[in-house]
Amino acid sequence: MIALLDNTVLSNFTTVERSDLVHLALGEDAATSDMAWTELQAGIHISKLPPEDWSWLPILSCTEGEEPLLYLMAQRLNAGEASCLAIAATRGYRVFTDDRDARELAAKWRIPVSGTLGLLLRLVDLRILSLDEANTLLARMIAAGYRSPTASLHELP
């Protein structure tokens, strides 16, 4: 199932310069929306984020039929999150977001959702990272501004 990553999740892995980990965790199922991509590029342009190689990541756009749902979602979310949810809702994809409002709307629309912590745990489950390595990345993300609900993956079930 395609997994659409919003700007927050993309930014967290960009901050630690490990876009490769997203590719390893999700493979060909990873994608983002053009609006989330624009938000990421804006952060890089103003030097808030380092340049990172996301050339492997497909960028999807809302179709004309998805635009009414995009506008509905955009009443509550920023454009990147709204576009990811609109695409996911109509195409049967899942979304990776850390935004609480986006997660609430995803639940309402029955869109499977995960986020940065879910990706880190998947990397541990796949034995790509040890739990300590994942926690080190999480600490670096938090130090860079990620508002994680937990400081350690040890605290998660």
C-alpha atoms as a PDB file:
ATOM      1  CA  MET A   1       0.000   0.000   0.000  1.00  0.00           C
ATOM      2  CA  ILE A   2       1.352   3.428  -0.943  1.00  0.00           C
ATOM      3  CA  ALA A   3       2.477   5.499   2.057  1.00  0.00           C
ATOM      4  CA  LEU A   4       2.232   9.276   1.634  1.00  0.00           C
ATOM      5  CA  LEU A   5       4.684  11.192   3.800  1.00  0.00           C
ATOM      6  CA  ASP A   6       3.823  14.720   4.852  1.00  0.00           C
ATOM      7  CA  ASN A   7       6.338  17.505   5.345  1.00  0.00           C
ATOM      8  CA  THR A   8       6.832  16.869   9.062  1.00  0.00           C
ATOM      9  CA  VAL A   9       7.964  13.292   8.561  1.00  0.00           C
ATOM     10  CA  LEU A  10      10.077  14.235   5.526  1.00  0.00           C
ATOM     11  CA  SER A  11      11.616  17.094   7.515  1.00  0.00           C
ATOM     12  CA  ASN A  12      12.469  14.885  10.485  1.00  0.00           C
ATOM     13  CA  PHE A  13      14.479  12.502   8.329  1.00  0.00           C
ATOM     14  CA  THR A  14      15.951  15.397   6.337  1.00  0.00           C
ATOM     15  CA  THR A  15      17.120  17.027   9.572  1.00  0.00           C
ATOM     16  CA  VAL A  16      19.199  13.973  10.435  1.00  0.00           C
ATOM     17  CA  GLU A  17      20.231  13.554   6.780  1.00  0.00           C
ATOM     18  CA  ARG A  18      18.820  10.038   6.539  1.00  0.00           C
ATOM     19  CA  SER A  19      16.278  10.016   3.706  1.00  0.00           C
ATOM     20  CA  ASP A  20      17.773   6.633   2.840  1.00  0.00           C
ATOM     21  CA  LEU A  21      16.144   5.177   5.947  1.00  0.00           C
ATOM     22  CA  VAL A  22      12.676   6.080   4.687  1.00  0.00           C
ATOM     23  CA  HIS A  23      13.491   4.310   1.436  1.00  0.00           C
ATOM     24  CA  LEU A  24      14.754   1.265   3.346  1.00  0.00           C
ATOM     25  CA  ALA A  25      11.646   1.210   5.559  1.00  0.00           C
ATOM     26  CA  LEU A  26       9.002   1.733   2.874  1.00  0.00           C
ATOM     27  CA  GLY A  27      10.722   0.982  -0.421  1.00  0.00           C
ATOM     28  CA  GLU A  28       8.681   1.607  -3.547  1.00  0.00           C
ATOM     29  CA  ASP A  29       5.562   2.218  -1.438  1.00  0.00           C
ATOM     30  CA  ALA A  30       6.819   5.630  -0.255  1.00  0.00           C
ATOM     31  CA  ALA A  31       5.554   8.813  -1.925  1.00  0.00           C
ATOM     32  CA  THR A  32       4.580  12.369  -1.066  1.00  0.00           C
ATOM     33  CA  SER A  33       2.263  15.016  -2.442  1.00  0.00           C
ATOM     34  CA  ASP A  34       3.420  17.947  -4.517  1.00  0.00           C
ATOM     35  CA  MET A  35       2.182  20.316  -1.803  1.00  0.00           C
ATOM     36  CA  ALA A  36       4.103  18.516   0.968  1.00  0.00           C
ATOM     37  CA  TRP A  37       7.152  18.521  -1.325  1.00  0.00           C
ATOM     38  CA  THR A  38       6.809  22.297  -1.813  1.00  0.00           C
ATOM     39  CA  GLU A  39       6.753  22.777   1.970  1.00  0.00           C
ATOM     40  CA  LEU A  40       9.908  20.665   2.344  1.00  0.00           C
ATOM     41  CA  GLN A  41      11.677  22.594  -0.407  1.00  0.00           C
ATOM     42  CA  ALA A  42      10.736  25.895   1.266  1.00  0.00           C
ATOM     43  CA  GLY A  43      12.467  24.714   4.459  1.00  0.00           C
ATOM     44  CA  ILE A  44      15.572  23.794   2.493  1.00  0.00           C
ATOM     45  CA  HIS A  45      15.492  27.090   0.573  1.00  0.00           C
ATOM     46  CA  ILE A  46      15.583  29.159   3.778  1.00  0.00           C
ATOM     47  CA  SER A  47      18.318  26.879   5.209  1.00  0.00           C
ATOM     48  CA  LYS A  48      16.070  25.590   7.977  1.00  0.00           C
ATOM     49  CA  LEU A  49      16.751  22.105   6.604  1.00  0.00           C
ATOM     50  CA  PRO A  50      19.867  20.660   4.974  1.00  0.00           C
ATOM     51  CA  PRO A  51      19.732  19.513   1.364  1.00  0.00           C
ATOM     52  CA  GLU A  52      19.015  15.788   1.219  1.00  0.00           C
ATOM     53  CA  ASP A  53      18.628  13.311  -1.630  1.00  0.00           C
ATOM     54  CA  TRP A  54      14.954  12.471  -2.050  1.00  0.00           C
ATOM     55  CA  SER A  55      15.314  11.879  -5.811  1.00  0.00           C
ATOM     56  CA  TRP A  56      13.911   8.366  -5.414  1.00  0.00           C
ATOM     57  CA  LEU A  57      10.633   9.614  -3.848  1.00  0.00           C
ATOM     58  CA  PRO A  58       7.610   9.852  -6.183  1.00  0.00           C
ATOM     59  CA  ILE A  59       5.648  13.103  -5.936  1.00  0.00           C
ATOM     60  CA  LEU A  60       1.896  12.834  -6.503  1.00  0.00           C
ATOM     61  CA  SER A  61      -0.644  15.547  -7.289  1.00  0.00           C
ATOM     62  CA  CYS A  62      -4.324  15.720  -6.478  1.00  0.00           C
ATOM     63  CA  THR A  63      -6.583  14.965  -9.385  1.00  0.00           C
ATOM     64  CA  GLU A  64      -9.451  17.235 -10.288  1.00  0.00           C
ATOM     65  CA  GLY A  65     -11.781  14.788  -8.564  1.00  0.00           C
ATOM     66  CA  GLU A  66      -9.740  14.982  -5.350  1.00  0.00           C
ATOM     67  CA  GLU A  67      -9.733  18.784  -5.199  1.00  0.00           C
ATOM     68  CA  PRO A  68     -13.061  19.169  -3.330  1.00  0.00           C
ATOM     69  CA  LEU A  69     -11.735  16.897  -0.561  1.00  0.00           C
ATOM     70  CA  LEU A  70      -8.425  18.789  -0.595  1.00  0.00           C
ATOM     71  CA  TYR A  71     -10.252  22.072  -0.012  1.00  0.00           C
ATOM     72  CA  LEU A  72     -12.320  20.503   2.763  1.00  0.00           C
ATOM     73  CA  MET A  73      -9.202  19.158   4.485  1.00  0.00           C
ATOM     74  CA  ALA A  74      -7.362  22.469   3.993  1.00  0.00           C
ATOM     75  CA  GLN A  75      -9.911  24.202   6.227  1.00  0.00           C
ATOM     76  CA  ARG A  76      -8.239  22.440   9.150  1.00  0.00           C
ATOM     77  CA  LEU A  77      -4.767  21.487   7.878  1.00  0.00           C
ATOM     78  CA  ASN A  78      -1.904  23.016   5.960  1.00  0.00           C
ATOM     79  CA  ALA A  79      -1.703  22.272   2.243  1.00  0.00           C
ATOM     80  CA  GLY A  80       0.816  19.435   2.502  1.00  0.00           C
ATOM     81  CA  GLU A  81      -1.135  17.456   5.076  1.00  0.00           C
ATOM     82  CA  ALA A  82      -4.451  18.203   3.376  1.00  0.00           C
ATOM     83  CA  SER A  83      -3.181  16.984   0.003  1.00  0.00           C
ATOM     84  CA  CYS A  84      -1.702  13.801   1.471  1.00  0.00           C
ATOM     85  CA  LEU A  85      -4.998  13.004   3.192  1.00  0.00           C
ATOM     86  CA  ALA A  86      -7.124  13.841   0.145  1.00  0.00           C
ATOM     87  CA  ILE A  87      -5.026  11.575  -2.073  1.00  0.00           C
ATOM     88  CA  ALA A  88      -4.956   8.798   0.531  1.00  0.00           C
ATOM     89  CA  ALA A  89      -8.711   8.947   1.140  1.00  0.00           C
ATOM     90  CA  THR A  90      -9.610   8.612  -2.518  1.00  0.00           C
ATOM     91  CA  ARG A  91      -6.904   6.172  -3.609  1.00  0.00           C
ATOM     92  CA  GLY A  92      -6.836   3.882  -0.567  1.00  0.00           C
ATOM     93  CA  TYR A  93      -3.331   4.861   0.577  1.00  0.00           C
ATOM     94  CA  ARG A  94      -1.957   5.366   4.073  1.00  0.00           C
ATOM     95  CA  VAL A  95      -0.424   8.554   5.476  1.00  0.00           C
ATOM     96  CA  PHE A  96       2.645   9.214   7.596  1.00  0.00           C
ATOM     97  CA  THR A  97       2.102  12.384   9.613  1.00  0.00           C
ATOM     98  CA  ASP A  98       2.909  13.596  13.112  1.00  0.00           C
ATOM     99  CA  ASP A  99       0.249  16.314  13.122  1.00  0.00           C
ATOM    100  CA  ARG A 100      -2.541  15.670  15.636  1.00  0.00           C
ATOM    101  CA  ASP A 101      -5.260  17.328  13.536  1.00  0.00           C
ATOM    102  CA  ALA A 102      -4.189  15.346  10.474  1.00  0.00           C
ATOM    103  CA  ARG A 103      -4.274  12.129  12.498  1.00  0.00           C
ATOM    104  CA  GLU A 104      -7.770  12.943  13.758  1.00  0.00           C
ATOM    105  CA  LEU A 105      -9.013  13.560  10.218  1.00  0.00           C
ATOM    106  CA  ALA A 106      -7.301  10.385   9.034  1.00  0.00           C
ATOM    107  CA  ALA A 107      -9.187   8.418  11.699  1.00  0.00           C
ATOM    108  CA  LYS A 108     -12.456  10.074  10.671  1.00  0.00           C
ATOM    109  CA  TRP A 109     -11.860   9.120   7.028  1.00  0.00           C
ATOM    110  CA  ARG A 110     -10.529   5.654   7.995  1.00  0.00           C
ATOM    111  CA  ILE A 111      -7.125   6.354   6.497  1.00  0.00           C
ATOM    112  CA  PRO A 112      -4.355   4.208   8.000  1.00  0.00           C
ATOM    113  CA  VAL A 113      -1.861   6.508   9.691  1.00  0.00           C
ATOM    114  CA  SER A 114       1.603   6.341  11.184  1.00  0.00           C
ATOM    115  CA  GLY A 115       4.425   8.830  11.614  1.00  0.00           C
ATOM    116  CA  THR A 116       8.066   9.381  12.436  1.00  0.00           C
ATOM    117  CA  LEU A 117       7.991   7.083  15.457  1.00  0.00           C
ATOM    118  CA  GLY A 118       6.303   4.369  13.409  1.00  0.00           C
ATOM    119  CA  LEU A 119       9.016   4.603  10.773  1.00  0.00           C
ATOM    120  CA  LEU A 120      11.765   4.412  13.393  1.00  0.00           C
ATOM    121  CA  LEU A 121      10.117   1.354  14.965  1.00  0.00           C
ATOM    122  CA  ARG A 122       9.735  -0.260  11.530  1.00  0.00           C
ATOM    123  CA  LEU A 123      13.452   0.257  10.941  1.00  0.00           C
ATOM    124  CA  VAL A 124      14.141  -1.511  14.244  1.00  0.00           C
ATOM    125  CA  ASP A 125      11.706  -4.332  13.376  1.00  0.00           C
ATOM    126  CA  LEU A 126      13.415  -4.761  10.002  1.00  0.00           C
ATOM    127  CA  ARG A 127      16.790  -4.845  11.830  1.00  0.00           C
ATOM    128  CA  ILE A 128      18.062  -1.914   9.793  1.00  0.00           C
ATOM    129  CA  LEU A 129      18.633   0.025  13.020  1.00  0.00           C
ATOM    130  CA  SER A 130      19.141  -1.110  16.572  1.00  0.00           C
ATOM    131  CA  LEU A 131      16.812   0.393  19.168  1.00  0.00           C
ATOM    132  CA  ASP A 132      19.703   2.486  20.463  1.00  0.00           C
ATOM    133  CA  GLU A 133      20.474   3.798  16.954  1.00  0.00           C
ATOM    134  CA  ALA A 134      16.804   4.676  16.431  1.00  0.00           C
ATOM    135  CA  ASN A 135      16.732   6.466  19.790  1.00  0.00           C
ATOM    136  CA  THR A 136      19.851   8.415  18.831  1.00  0.00           C
ATOM    137  CA  LEU A 137      18.123   9.569  15.628  1.00  0.00           C
ATOM    138  CA  LEU A 138      14.996  10.439  17.595  1.00  0.00           C
ATOM    139  CA  ALA A 139      17.073  12.513  20.033  1.00  0.00           C
ATOM    140  CA  ARG A 140      18.670  14.366  17.108  1.00  0.00           C
ATOM    141  CA  MET A 141      15.227  15.029  15.598  1.00  0.00           C
ATOM    142  CA  ILE A 142      13.958  16.353  18.937  1.00  0.00           C
ATOM    143  CA  ALA A 143      17.037  18.559  19.313  1.00  0.00           C
ATOM    144  CA  ALA A 144      16.268  19.985  15.862  1.00  0.00           C
ATOM    145  CA  GLY A 145      12.687  20.835  16.863  1.00  0.00           C
ATOM    146  CA  TYR A 146      10.584  17.694  16.433  1.00  0.00           C
ATOM    147  CA  ARG A 147       7.856  17.724  19.082  1.00  0.00           C
ATOM    148  CA  SER A 148       7.805  14.021  19.781  1.00  0.00           C
ATOM    149  CA  PRO A 149       5.246  12.589  22.199  1.00  0.00           C
ATOM    150  CA  THR A 150       8.061  10.521  23.700  1.00  0.00           C
ATOM    151  CA  ALA A 151      11.775  11.017  24.250  1.00  0.00           C
ATOM    152  CA  SER A 152      12.572   7.333  23.857  1.00  0.00           C
ATOM    153  CA  LEU A 153      11.283   4.473  21.764  1.00  0.00           C
ATOM    154  CA  HIS A 154      11.785   2.303  24.868  1.00  0.00           C
ATOM    155  CA  GLU A 155       8.623   3.931  26.235  1.00  0.00           C
ATOM    156  CA  LEU A 156       6.458   2.602  23.386  1.00  0.00           C
ATOM    157  CA  PRO A 157       4.715  -0.791  23.464  1.00  0.00           C
END
